[in-house]
Each structure stands twice: as structure tokens, then as C-alpha cells.
């Protein structure tokens, strides 16, 4: 994070980009995404399929229901916590299970 210091002198206000980039920034001002998660205590989500070294199947409806909302919409990666590779597979398997009537298209009222 680079901050431009504005002083009362008009000659310093027109600092070039090089001068601004060379300006020193204390280590306390710099915040990375990793340190933010450590400060708040949140844990990084790990793909459950990668951990168990399995792949999702359309026949395992219990596992596929975990990746759908209460309105039977497919959850995004940010909420489901699985990697992009397995998110694509889960999406495909949910759609296939819906066509085979193993999972519902619409929620029960």
C-alpha cells in the first residue's frame, strides 16, 4: 500500500509517479489478504473432495444436497468451499441427478 503525502508546498504536490512509488511505507500500513484472515480467525475452506480424494457422483444424492440451497439452487464456490474443478463436476452431477429424478428441480412447499 503506497500513500502519497500531501504537504503545504506547491512544488511537492506535483510529485511524479516515480517519487510516489519510492516513498517509504511502514510495515504496519501494509495489509495482505493472508494476514487479514489470520486476524479475524477465519479458516480457509478446503475442498472436501480433494481431501478425501474422491469425486462427486450423481448417485450420492446426500452429498449433492449439501451443495444446494434450501430453494434447490446450486451453491457458488464461495459458499460451498470446494475447488473450481470439483465445483464444475458437482454442478454437472446435480443437473444429471435432476434429470434422473434423484434430486428435485423445485423445492417442496
PDB file of N, CA and C in Angstrom:
ATOM      1  N   UNK A   1       0.851  -1.160   0.000  1.00  0.00           N
ATOM      2  CA  UNK A   1       0.000   0.000   0.000  1.00  0.00           C
ATOM      3  C   UNK A   1       0.895   1.221   0.000  1.00  0.00           C
ATOM      4  N   UNK A   2       0.711   2.080  -0.979  1.00  0.00           N
ATOM      5  CA  UNK A   2       1.531   3.275  -1.087  1.00  0.00           C
ATOM      6  C   UNK A   2       0.626   4.471  -0.876  1.00  0.00           C
ATOM      7  N   UNK A   3       1.054   5.340  -0.005  1.00  0.00           N
ATOM      8  CA  UNK A   3       0.282   6.538   0.283  1.00  0.00           C
ATOM      9  C   UNK A   3       1.079   7.763  -0.111  1.00  0.00           C
ATOM     10  N   UNK A   4       0.412   8.701  -0.724  1.00  0.00           N
ATOM     11  CA  UNK A   4       1.054   9.937  -1.126  1.00  0.00           C
ATOM     12  C   UNK A   4       0.863  10.958  -0.010  1.00  0.00           C
ATOM     13  N   UNK A   5       1.957  11.513   0.438  1.00  0.00           N
ATOM     14  CA  UNK A   5       1.908  12.507   1.498  1.00  0.00           C
ATOM     15  C   UNK A   5       1.738  13.867   0.856  1.00  0.00           C
ATOM     16  N   UNK A   6       0.690  14.579   1.242  1.00  0.00           N
ATOM     17  CA  UNK A   6       0.423  15.900   0.688  1.00  0.00           C
ATOM     18  C   UNK A   6       0.852  16.932   1.720  1.00  0.00           C
ATOM     19  N   UNK A   7       1.752  17.793   1.311  1.00  0.00           N
ATOM     20  CA  UNK A   7       2.201  18.847   2.212  1.00  0.00           C
ATOM     21  C   UNK A   7       1.742  20.192   1.658  1.00  0.00           C
ATOM     22  N   UNK A   8       2.006  21.229   2.396  1.00  0.00           N
ATOM     23  CA  UNK A   8       1.576  22.567   2.015  1.00  0.00           C
ATOM     24  C   UNK A   8       2.385  23.169   0.882  1.00  0.00           C
ATOM     25  N   UNK A   9       3.518  22.586   0.530  1.00  0.00           N
ATOM     26  CA  UNK A   9       4.362  23.159  -0.503  1.00  0.00           C
ATOM     27  C   UNK A   9       3.826  22.798  -1.887  1.00  0.00           C
ATOM     28  N   UNK A  10       3.647  23.795  -2.780  1.00  0.00           N
ATOM     29  CA  UNK A  10       3.095  23.508  -4.104  1.00  0.00           C
ATOM     30  C   UNK A  10       4.040  22.679  -4.969  1.00  0.00           C
ATOM     31  N   UNK A  11       5.341  22.769  -4.768  1.00  0.00           N
ATOM     32  CA  UNK A  11       6.281  22.005  -5.588  1.00  0.00           C
ATOM     33  C   UNK A  11       6.197  20.505  -5.290  1.00  0.00           C
ATOM     34  N   UNK A  12       5.855  20.148  -4.063  1.00  0.00           N
ATOM     35  CA  UNK A  12       5.775  18.736  -3.693  1.00  0.00           C
ATOM     36  C   UNK A  12       4.451  18.102  -4.115  1.00  0.00           C
ATOM     37  N   UNK A  13       3.405  18.906  -4.350  1.00  0.00           N
ATOM     38  CA  UNK A  13       2.107  18.371  -4.742  1.00  0.00           C
ATOM     39  C   UNK A  13       2.163  17.731  -6.118  1.00  0.00           C
ATOM     40  N   UNK A  14       3.035  18.225  -6.982  1.00  0.00           N
ATOM     41  CA  UNK A  14       3.154  17.694  -8.323  1.00  0.00           C
ATOM     42  C   UNK A  14       4.261  16.648  -8.402  1.00  0.00           C
ATOM     43  N   UNK A  15       4.257  15.738  -7.478  1.00  0.00           N
ATOM     44  CA  UNK A  15       5.273  14.685  -7.453  1.00  0.00           C
ATOM     45  C   UNK A  15       4.987  13.683  -8.571  1.00  0.00           C
ATOM     46  N   UNK A  16       6.047  13.215  -9.187  1.00  0.00           N
ATOM     47  CA  UNK A  16       5.878  12.253 -10.260  1.00  0.00           C
ATOM     48  C   UNK A  16       5.535  10.888  -9.681  1.00  0.00           C
ATOM     49  N   UNK A  17       5.112   9.987 -10.548  1.00  0.00           N
ATOM     50  CA  UNK A  17       4.742   8.641 -10.112  1.00  0.00           C
ATOM     51  C   UNK A  17       5.928   7.907  -9.503  1.00  0.00           C
ATOM     52  N   UNK A  18       7.113   8.151 -10.032  1.00  0.00           N
ATOM     53  CA  UNK A  18       8.316   7.503  -9.512  1.00  0.00           C
ATOM     54  C   UNK A  18       8.580   7.916  -8.075  1.00  0.00           C
ATOM     55  N   UNK A  19       8.417   9.202  -7.799  1.00  0.00           N
ATOM     56  CA  UNK A  19       8.651   9.694  -6.441  1.00  0.00           C
ATOM     57  C   UNK A  19       7.636   9.113  -5.467  1.00  0.00           C
ATOM     58  N   UNK A  20       6.406   8.979  -5.920  1.00  0.00           N
ATOM     59  CA  UNK A  20       5.367   8.431  -5.061  1.00  0.00           C
ATOM     60  C   UNK A  20       5.642   6.958  -4.792  1.00  0.00           C
ATOM     61  N   UNK A  21       6.065   6.217  -5.810  1.00  0.00           N
ATOM     62  CA  UNK A  21       6.317   4.797  -5.625  1.00  0.00           C
ATOM     63  C   UNK A  21       7.560   4.558  -4.761  1.00  0.00           C
ATOM     64  N   UNK A  22       8.507   5.499  -4.770  1.00  0.00           N
ATOM     65  CA  UNK A  22       9.714   5.345  -3.975  1.00  0.00           C
ATOM     66  C   UNK A  22       9.489   5.680  -2.508  1.00  0.00           C
ATOM     67  N   UNK A  23       8.376   6.337  -2.243  1.00  0.00           N
ATOM     68  CA  UNK A  23       8.105   6.773  -0.879  1.00  0.00           C
ATOM     69  C   UNK A  23       7.994   5.563   0.055  1.00  0.00           C
ATOM     70  N   UNK A  24       8.563   5.697   1.204  1.00  0.00           N
ATOM     71  CA  UNK A  24       8.594   4.583   2.143  1.00  0.00           C
ATOM     72  C   UNK A  24       7.239   4.412   2.825  1.00  0.00           C
ATOM     73  N   UNK A  25       6.880   3.160   3.005  1.00  0.00           N
ATOM     74  CA  UNK A  25       5.648   2.823   3.701  1.00  0.00           C
ATOM     75  C   UNK A  25       6.023   1.939   4.870  1.00  0.00           C
ATOM     76  N   UNK A  26       5.520   2.266   6.036  1.00  0.00           N
ATOM     77  CA  UNK A  26       5.857   1.454   7.205  1.00  0.00           C
ATOM     78  C   UNK A  26       5.177   0.099   7.082  1.00  0.00           C
ATOM     79  N   UNK A  27       5.731  -0.908   7.728  1.00  0.00           N
ATOM     80  CA  UNK A  27       5.209  -2.263   7.625  1.00  0.00           C
ATOM     81  C   UNK A  27       3.817  -2.389   8.239  1.00  0.00           C
ATOM     82  N   UNK A  28       3.482  -1.554   9.174  1.00  0.00           N
ATOM     83  CA  UNK A  28       2.175  -1.601   9.808  1.00  0.00           C
ATOM     84  C   UNK A  28       1.044  -1.197   8.875  1.00  0.00           C
ATOM     85  N   UNK A  29       1.335  -0.368   7.865  1.00  0.00           N
ATOM     86  CA  UNK A  29       0.307   0.086   6.939  1.00  0.00           C
ATOM     87  C   UNK A  29      -0.049  -0.982   5.911  1.00  0.00           C
ATOM     88  N   UNK A  30       0.846  -1.900   5.658  1.00  0.00           N
ATOM     89  CA  UNK A  30       0.646  -2.886   4.627  1.00  0.00           C
ATOM     90  C   UNK A  30      -0.156  -4.060   5.179  1.00  0.00           C
ATOM     91  N   UNK A  31      -1.275  -4.375   4.545  1.00  0.00           N
ATOM     92  CA  UNK A  31      -2.137  -5.459   4.998  1.00  0.00           C
ATOM     93  C   UNK A  31      -2.362  -6.396   3.820  1.00  0.00           C
ATOM     94  N   UNK A  32      -2.011  -7.643   4.004  1.00  0.00           N
ATOM     95  CA  UNK A  32      -2.235  -8.610   2.950  1.00  0.00           C
ATOM     96  C   UNK A  32      -3.493  -9.407   3.261  1.00  0.00           C
ATOM     97  N   UNK A  33      -3.999 -10.119   2.260  1.00  0.00           N
ATOM     98  CA  UNK A  33      -5.217 -10.902   2.448  1.00  0.00           C
ATOM     99  C   UNK A  33      -4.988 -12.042   3.443  1.00  0.00           C
ATOM    100  N   UNK A  34      -3.796 -12.592   3.453  1.00  0.00           N
ATOM    101  CA  UNK A  34      -3.496 -13.700   4.357  1.00  0.00           C
ATOM    102  C   UNK A  34      -3.542 -13.238   5.804  1.00  0.00           C
ATOM    103  N   UNK A  35      -2.930 -12.094   6.080  1.00  0.00           N
ATOM    104  CA  UNK A  35      -2.916 -11.619   7.457  1.00  0.00           C
ATOM    105  C   UNK A  35      -4.311 -11.196   7.914  1.00  0.00           C
ATOM    106  N   UNK A  36      -5.143 -10.728   6.980  1.00  0.00           N
ATOM    107  CA  UNK A  36      -6.500 -10.361   7.349  1.00  0.00           C
ATOM    108  C   UNK A  36      -7.273 -11.578   7.844  1.00  0.00           C
ATOM    109  N   UNK A  37      -7.121 -12.704   7.159  1.00  0.00           N
ATOM    110  CA  UNK A  37      -7.843 -13.899   7.572  1.00  0.00           C
ATOM    111  C   UNK A  37      -7.305 -14.423   8.894  1.00  0.00           C
ATOM    112  N   UNK A  38      -6.004 -14.243   9.138  1.00  0.00           N
ATOM    113  CA  UNK A  38      -5.437 -14.686  10.406  1.00  0.00           C
ATOM    114  C   UNK A  38      -5.934 -13.810  11.545  1.00  0.00           C
ATOM    115  N   UNK A  39      -6.075 -12.499  11.284  1.00  0.00           N
ATOM    116  CA  UNK A  39      -6.527 -11.581  12.315  1.00  0.00           C
ATOM    117  C   UNK A  39      -7.976 -11.851  12.716  1.00  0.00           C
ATOM    118  N   UNK A  40      -8.820 -12.150  11.740  1.00  0.00           N
ATOM    119  CA  UNK A  40     -10.232 -12.358  12.039  1.00  0.00           C
ATOM    120  C   UNK A  40     -10.513 -13.768  12.526  1.00  0.00           C
ATOM    121  N   UNK A  41      -9.573 -14.668  12.366  1.00  0.00           N
ATOM    122  CA  UNK A  41      -9.741 -16.021  12.855  1.00  0.00           C
ATOM    123  C   UNK A  41     -10.483 -16.941  11.907  1.00  0.00           C
ATOM    124  N   UNK A  42     -10.751 -16.467  10.683  1.00  0.00           N
ATOM    125  CA  UNK A  42     -11.446 -17.317   9.718  1.00  0.00           C
ATOM    126  C   UNK A  42     -10.475 -18.355   9.169  1.00  0.00           C
ATOM    127  N   UNK A  43     -10.969 -19.539   8.914  1.00  0.00           N
ATOM    128  CA  UNK A  43     -10.158 -20.585   8.323  1.00  0.00           C
ATOM    129  C   UNK A  43     -10.440 -20.666   6.833  1.00  0.00           C
ATOM    130  N   UNK A  44      -9.421 -20.993   6.076  1.00  0.00           N
ATOM    131  CA  UNK A  44      -9.592 -21.147   4.646  1.00  0.00           C
ATOM    132  C   UNK A  44     -10.365 -22.436   4.386  1.00  0.00           C
ATOM    133  N   UNK A  45     -11.373 -22.360   3.519  1.00  0.00           N
ATOM    134  CA  UNK A  45     -12.167 -23.535   3.207  1.00  0.00           C
ATOM    135  C   UNK A  45     -11.343 -24.474   2.337  1.00  0.00           C
ATOM    136  N   UNK A  46     -11.408 -25.735   2.649  1.00  0.00           N
ATOM    137  CA  UNK A  46     -10.669 -26.742   1.899  1.00  0.00           C
ATOM    138  C   UNK A  46     -11.672 -27.650   1.206  1.00  0.00           C
ATOM    139  N   UNK A  47     -11.394 -27.994  -0.019  1.00  0.00           N
ATOM    140  CA  UNK A  47     -12.284 -28.848  -0.804  1.00  0.00           C
ATOM    141  C   UNK A  47     -12.384 -30.227  -0.161  1.00  0.00           C
ATOM    142  N   UNK A  48     -13.597 -30.639   0.165  1.00  0.00           N
ATOM    143  CA  UNK A  48     -13.801 -31.935   0.819  1.00  0.00           C
ATOM    144  C   UNK A  48     -13.495 -33.085  -0.126  1.00  0.00           C
ATOM    145  N   UNK A  49     -13.705 -32.885  -1.417  1.00  0.00           N
ATOM    146  CA  UNK A  49     -13.416 -33.941  -2.390  1.00  0.00           C
ATOM    147  C   UNK A  49     -11.914 -34.120  -2.587  1.00  0.00           C
ATOM    148  N   UNK A  50     -11.164 -33.019  -2.531  1.00  0.00           N
ATOM    149  CA  UNK A  50      -9.707 -33.117  -2.656  1.00  0.00           C
ATOM    150  C   UNK A  50      -9.109 -33.783  -1.420  1.00  0.00           C
ATOM    151  N   UNK A  51      -9.661 -33.489  -0.255  1.00  0.00           N
ATOM    152  CA  UNK A  51      -9.153 -34.088   0.971  1.00  0.00           C
ATOM    153  C   UNK A  51      -9.363 -35.598   0.975  1.00  0.00           C
ATOM    154  N   UNK A  52     -10.563 -36.031   0.605  1.00  0.00           N
ATOM    155  CA  UNK A  52     -10.862 -37.466   0.638  1.00  0.00           C
ATOM    156  C   UNK A  52     -10.446 -38.180  -0.640  1.00  0.00           C
ATOM    157  N   UNK A  53      -9.970 -37.417  -1.622  1.00  0.00           N
ATOM    158  CA  UNK A  53      -9.522 -37.956  -2.918  1.00  0.00           C
ATOM    159  C   UNK A  53     -10.624 -38.768  -3.593  1.00  0.00           C
ATOM    160  N   UNK A  54     -11.834 -38.209  -3.562  1.00  0.00           N
ATOM    161  CA  UNK A  54     -12.974 -38.812  -4.240  1.00  0.00           C
ATOM    162  C   UNK A  54     -13.533 -37.807  -5.235  1.00  0.00           C
ATOM    163  N   UNK A  55     -14.455 -38.258  -6.043  1.00  0.00           N
ATOM    164  CA  UNK A  55     -15.132 -37.344  -6.959  1.00  0.00           C
ATOM    165  C   UNK A  55     -16.631 -37.484  -6.738  1.00  0.00           C
ATOM    166  N   UNK A  56     -17.373 -36.408  -6.929  1.00  0.00           N
ATOM    167  CA  UNK A  56     -18.816 -36.467  -6.708  1.00  0.00           C
ATOM    168  C   UNK A  56     -19.508 -37.345  -7.746  1.00  0.00           C
ATOM    169  N   UNK A  57     -20.553 -38.022  -7.308  1.00  0.00           N
ATOM    170  CA  UNK A  57     -21.306 -38.892  -8.193  1.00  0.00           C
ATOM    171  C   UNK A  57     -22.778 -38.524  -8.140  1.00  0.00           C
ATOM    172  N   UNK A  58     -23.477 -38.697  -9.251  1.00  0.00           N
ATOM    173  CA  UNK A  58     -24.896 -38.365  -9.291  1.00  0.00           C
ATOM    174  C   UNK A  58     -25.727 -39.300  -8.419  1.00  0.00           C
ATOM    175  N   UNK A  59     -25.202 -40.475  -8.106  1.00  0.00           N
ATOM    176  CA  UNK A  59     -25.948 -41.426  -7.278  1.00  0.00           C
ATOM    177  C   UNK A  59     -25.901 -41.071  -5.800  1.00  0.00           C
ATOM    178  N   UNK A  60     -24.914 -40.308  -5.387  1.00  0.00           N
ATOM    179  CA  UNK A  60     -24.783 -39.906  -3.984  1.00  0.00           C
ATOM    180  C   UNK A  60     -25.579 -38.619  -3.758  1.00  0.00           C
ATOM    181  N   UNK A  61     -26.897 -38.764  -3.628  1.00  0.00           N
ATOM    182  CA  UNK A  61     -27.768 -37.592  -3.522  1.00  0.00           C
ATOM    183  C   UNK A  61     -27.594 -36.861  -2.194  1.00  0.00           C
ATOM    184  N   UNK A  62     -27.204 -37.578  -1.148  1.00  0.00           N
ATOM    185  CA  UNK A  62     -26.993 -36.930   0.152  1.00  0.00           C
ATOM    186  C   UNK A  62     -25.843 -35.926   0.056  1.00  0.00           C
ATOM    187  N   UNK A  63     -24.778 -36.318  -0.603  1.00  0.00           N
ATOM    188  CA  UNK A  63     -23.625 -35.426  -0.768  1.00  0.00           C
ATOM    189  C   UNK A  63     -23.973 -34.261  -1.688  1.00  0.00           C
ATOM    190  N   UNK A  64     -24.747 -34.507  -2.722  1.00  0.00           N
ATOM    191  CA  UNK A  64     -25.103 -33.450  -3.670  1.00  0.00           C
ATOM    192  C   UNK A  64     -26.064 -32.433  -3.050  1.00  0.00           C
ATOM    193  N   UNK A  65     -26.911 -32.867  -2.132  1.00  0.00           N
ATOM    194  CA  UNK A  65     -27.840 -31.942  -1.473  1.00  0.00           C
ATOM    195  C   UNK A  65     -27.106 -30.922  -0.607  1.00  0.00           C
ATOM    196  N   UNK A  66     -25.908 -31.268  -0.137  1.00  0.00           N
ATOM    197  CA  UNK A  66     -25.113 -30.309   0.648  1.00  0.00           C
ATOM    198  C   UNK A  66     -24.728 -29.097  -0.188  1.00  0.00           C
ATOM    199  N   UNK A  67     -24.683 -29.255  -1.499  1.00  0.00           N
ATOM    200  CA  UNK A  67     -24.250 -28.182  -2.391  1.00  0.00           C
ATOM    201  C   UNK A  67     -25.421 -27.479  -3.062  1.00  0.00           C
ATOM    202  N   UNK A  68     -26.622 -27.668  -2.515  1.00  0.00           N
ATOM    203  CA  UNK A  68     -27.787 -26.932  -2.982  1.00  0.00           C
ATOM    204  C   UNK A  68     -28.380 -26.143  -1.818  1.00  0.00           C
ATOM    205  N   UNK A  69     -29.030 -25.038  -2.138  1.00  0.00           N
ATOM    206  CA  UNK A  69     -29.640 -24.204  -1.099  1.00  0.00           C
ATOM    207  C   UNK A  69     -30.996 -24.788  -0.722  1.00  0.00           C
ATOM    208  N   UNK A  70     -31.659 -24.140   0.213  1.00  0.00           N
ATOM    209  CA  UNK A  70     -32.989 -24.591   0.596  1.00  0.00           C
ATOM    210  C   UNK A  70     -34.001 -24.375  -0.532  1.00  0.00           C
ATOM    211  N   UNK A  71     -33.666 -23.512  -1.471  1.00  0.00           N
ATOM    212  CA  UNK A  71     -34.518 -23.284  -2.645  1.00  0.00           C
ATOM    213  C   UNK A  71     -34.069 -24.144  -3.822  1.00  0.00           C
ATOM    214  N   UNK A  72     -33.203 -25.114  -3.559  1.00  0.00           N
ATOM    215  CA  UNK A  72     -32.686 -26.110  -4.504  1.00  0.00           C
ATOM    216  C   UNK A  72     -31.886 -25.455  -5.627  1.00  0.00           C
ATOM    217  N   UNK A  73     -31.210 -24.366  -5.315  1.00  0.00           N
ATOM    218  CA  UNK A  73     -30.288 -23.739  -6.257  1.00  0.00           C
ATOM    219  C   UNK A  73     -28.887 -24.245  -5.944  1.00  0.00           C
ATOM    220  N   UNK A  74     -28.064 -24.357  -6.946  1.00  0.00           N
ATOM    221  CA  UNK A  74     -26.686 -24.812  -6.767  1.00  0.00           C
ATOM    222  C   UNK A  74     -25.890 -23.691  -6.112  1.00  0.00           C
ATOM    223  N   UNK A  75     -25.202 -24.020  -5.029  1.00  0.00           N
ATOM    224  CA  UNK A  75     -24.434 -23.022  -4.290  1.00  0.00           C
ATOM    225  C   UNK A  75     -23.173 -22.633  -5.058  1.00  0.00           C
ATOM    226  N   UNK A  76     -22.746 -21.370  -4.978  1.00  0.00           N
ATOM    227  CA  UNK A  76     -21.499 -20.953  -5.625  1.00  0.00           C
ATOM    228  C   UNK A  76     -20.286 -21.462  -4.857  1.00  0.00           C
ATOM    229  N   UNK A  77     -19.152 -21.382  -5.480  1.00  0.00           N
ATOM    230  CA  UNK A  77     -17.898 -21.859  -4.882  1.00  0.00           C
ATOM    231  C   UNK A  77     -17.588 -21.192  -3.562  1.00  0.00           C
ATOM    232  N   UNK A  78     -17.864 -19.920  -3.460  1.00  0.00           N
ATOM    233  CA  UNK A  78     -17.543 -19.175  -2.243  1.00  0.00           C
ATOM    234  C   UNK A  78     -18.296 -19.724  -1.034  1.00  0.00           C
ATOM    235  N   UNK A  79     -19.508 -20.179  -1.244  1.00  0.00           N
ATOM    236  CA  UNK A  79     -20.292 -20.719  -0.138  1.00  0.00           C
ATOM    237  C   UNK A  79     -20.066 -22.205   0.073  1.00  0.00           C
ATOM    238  N   UNK A  80     -19.880 -22.942  -1.009  1.00  0.00           N
ATOM    239  CA  UNK A  80     -19.723 -24.394  -0.871  1.00  0.00           C
ATOM    240  C   UNK A  80     -18.337 -24.770  -0.355  1.00  0.00           C
ATOM    241  N   UNK A  81     -17.324 -23.978  -0.715  1.00  0.00           N
ATOM    242  CA  UNK A  81     -15.976 -24.227  -0.221  1.00  0.00           C
ATOM    243  C   UNK A  81     -15.222 -25.316  -0.963  1.00  0.00           C
ATOM    244  N   UNK A  82     -15.651 -25.653  -2.174  1.00  0.00           N
ATOM    245  CA  UNK A  82     -14.929 -26.658  -2.947  1.00  0.00           C
ATOM    246  C   UNK A  82     -14.148 -25.967  -4.062  1.00  0.00           C
ATOM    247  N   UNK A  83     -13.162 -26.670  -4.590  1.00  0.00           N
ATOM    248  CA  UNK A  83     -12.301 -26.087  -5.620  1.00  0.00           C
ATOM    249  C   UNK A  83     -13.062 -25.967  -6.943  1.00  0.00           C
ATOM    250  N   UNK A  84     -12.517 -25.219  -7.873  1.00  0.00           N
ATOM    251  CA  UNK A  84     -13.201 -24.954  -9.136  1.00  0.00           C
ATOM    252  C   UNK A  84     -13.399 -26.223  -9.957  1.00  0.00           C
ATOM    253  N   UNK A  85     -12.433 -27.118  -9.902  1.00  0.00           N
ATOM    254  CA  UNK A  85     -12.536 -28.378 -10.644  1.00  0.00           C
ATOM    255  C   UNK A  85     -13.732 -29.186 -10.163  1.00  0.00           C
ATOM    256  N   UNK A  86     -13.835 -29.350  -8.843  1.00  0.00           N
ATOM    257  CA  UNK A  86     -14.931 -30.135  -8.293  1.00  0.00           C
ATOM    258  C   UNK A  86     -16.258 -29.376  -8.329  1.00  0.00           C
ATOM    259  N   UNK A  87     -16.220 -28.053  -8.337  1.00  0.00           N
ATOM    260  CA  UNK A  87     -17.453 -27.276  -8.461  1.00  0.00           C
ATOM    261  C   UNK A  87     -18.101 -27.551  -9.816  1.00  0.00           C
ATOM    262  N   UNK A  88     -17.294 -27.612 -10.864  1.00  0.00           N
ATOM    263  CA  UNK A  88     -17.835 -27.915 -12.190  1.00  0.00           C
ATOM    264  C   UNK A  88     -18.421 -29.323 -12.231  1.00  0.00           C
ATOM    265  N   UNK A  89     -17.734 -30.281 -11.597  1.00  0.00           N
ATOM    266  CA  UNK A  89     -18.211 -31.664 -11.577  1.00  0.00           C
ATOM    267  C   UNK A  89     -19.507 -31.766 -10.772  1.00  0.00           C
ATOM    268  N   UNK A  90     -19.545 -31.104  -9.618  1.00  0.00           N
ATOM    269  CA  UNK A  90     -20.749 -31.138  -8.773  1.00  0.00           C
ATOM    270  C   UNK A  90     -21.936 -30.560  -9.534  1.00  0.00           C
ATOM    271  N   UNK A  91     -21.736 -29.455 -10.215  1.00  0.00           N
ATOM    272  CA  UNK A  91     -22.805 -28.830 -10.989  1.00  0.00           C
ATOM    273  C   UNK A  91     -23.340 -29.780 -12.038  1.00  0.00           C
ATOM    274  N   UNK A  92     -22.434 -30.435 -12.755  1.00  0.00           N
ATOM    275  CA  UNK A  92     -22.829 -31.383 -13.795  1.00  0.00           C
ATOM    276  C   UNK A  92     -23.598 -32.561 -13.192  1.00  0.00           C
ATOM    277  N   UNK A  93     -23.112 -33.080 -12.057  1.00  0.00           N
ATOM    278  CA  UNK A  93     -23.744 -34.231 -11.425  1.00  0.00           C
ATOM    279  C   UNK A  93     -25.113 -33.881 -10.846  1.00  0.00           C
ATOM    280  N   UNK A  94     -25.268 -32.675 -10.298  1.00  0.00           N
ATOM    281  CA  UNK A  94     -26.576 -32.239  -9.784  1.00  0.00           C
ATOM    282  C   UNK A  94     -27.586 -32.147 -10.929  1.00  0.00           C
ATOM    283  N   UNK A  95     -27.166 -31.572 -12.051  1.00  0.00           N
ATOM    284  CA  UNK A  95     -28.069 -31.455 -13.189  1.00  0.00           C
ATOM    285  C   UNK A  95     -28.457 -32.835 -13.733  1.00  0.00           C
ATOM    286  N   UNK A  96     -27.507 -33.748 -13.752  1.00  0.00           N
ATOM    287  CA  UNK A  96     -27.775 -35.105 -14.220  1.00  0.00           C
ATOM    288  C   UNK A  96     -28.732 -35.817 -13.262  1.00  0.00           C
ATOM    289  N   UNK A  97     -28.519 -35.654 -11.953  1.00  0.00           N
ATOM    290  CA  UNK A  97     -29.396 -36.275 -10.951  1.00  0.00           C
ATOM    291  C   UNK A  97     -30.805 -35.685 -11.026  1.00  0.00           C
ATOM    292  N   UNK A  98     -30.919 -34.421 -11.358  1.00  0.00           N
ATOM    293  CA  UNK A  98     -32.245 -33.815 -11.513  1.00  0.00           C
ATOM    294  C   UNK A  98     -32.999 -34.442 -12.677  1.00  0.00           C
ATOM    295  N   UNK A  99     -32.310 -34.677 -13.784  1.00  0.00           N
ATOM    296  CA  UNK A  99     -32.955 -35.274 -14.950  1.00  0.00           C
ATOM    297  C   UNK A  99     -33.363 -36.717 -14.692  1.00  0.00           C
ATOM    298  N   UNK A 100     -32.644 -37.388 -13.825  1.00  0.00           N
ATOM    299  CA  UNK A 100     -32.999 -38.766 -13.480  1.00  0.00           C
ATOM    300  C   UNK A 100     -33.998 -38.829 -12.323  1.00  0.00           C
ATOM    301  N   UNK A 101     -34.462 -37.685 -11.872  1.00  0.00           N
ATOM    302  CA  UNK A 101     -35.439 -37.558 -10.783  1.00  0.00           C
ATOM    303  C   UNK A 101     -34.885 -38.040  -9.446  1.00  0.00           C
ATOM    304  N   UNK A 102     -33.580 -37.960  -9.257  1.00  0.00           N
ATOM    305  CA  UNK A 102     -32.978 -38.272  -7.965  1.00  0.00           C
ATOM    306  C   UNK A 102     -32.962 -37.042  -7.065  1.00  0.00           C
ATOM    307  N   UNK A 103     -32.897 -35.864  -7.681  1.00  0.00           N
ATOM    308  CA  UNK A 103     -32.965 -34.588  -6.966  1.00  0.00           C
ATOM    309  C   UNK A 103     -34.099 -33.766  -7.568  1.00  0.00           C
ATOM    310  N   UNK A 104     -34.755 -32.933  -6.759  1.00  0.00           N
ATOM    311  CA  UNK A 104     -35.856 -32.125  -7.296  1.00  0.00           C
ATOM    312  C   UNK A 104     -35.351 -30.891  -8.054  1.00  0.00           C
ATOM    313  N   UNK A 105     -36.160 -30.444  -9.011  1.00  0.00           N
ATOM    314  CA  UNK A 105     -35.876 -29.191  -9.708  1.00  0.00           C
ATOM    315  C   UNK A 105     -36.352 -28.007  -8.885  1.00  0.00           C
ATOM    316  N   UNK A 106     -37.461 -28.187  -8.173  1.00  0.00           N
ATOM    317  CA  UNK A 106     -38.060 -27.117  -7.364  1.00  0.00           C
ATOM    318  C   UNK A 106     -38.223 -27.606  -5.928  1.00  0.00           C
ATOM    319  N   UNK A 107     -38.205 -26.691  -4.962  1.00  0.00           N
ATOM    320  CA  UNK A 107     -38.367 -27.111  -3.568  1.00  0.00           C
ATOM    321  C   UNK A 107     -39.801 -27.527  -3.258  1.00  0.00           C
ATOM    322  N   UNK A 108     -39.936 -28.381  -2.252  1.00  0.00           N
ATOM    323  CA  UNK A 108     -41.274 -28.775  -1.805  1.00  0.00           C
ATOM    324  C   UNK A 108     -41.865 -27.634  -0.986  1.00  0.00           C
ATOM    325  N   UNK A 109     -43.143 -27.403  -1.177  1.00  0.00           N
ATOM    326  CA  UNK A 109     -43.802 -26.293  -0.480  1.00  0.00           C
ATOM    327  C   UNK A 109     -44.325 -26.719   0.860  1.00  0.00           C
TER     328      UNK A 109
END
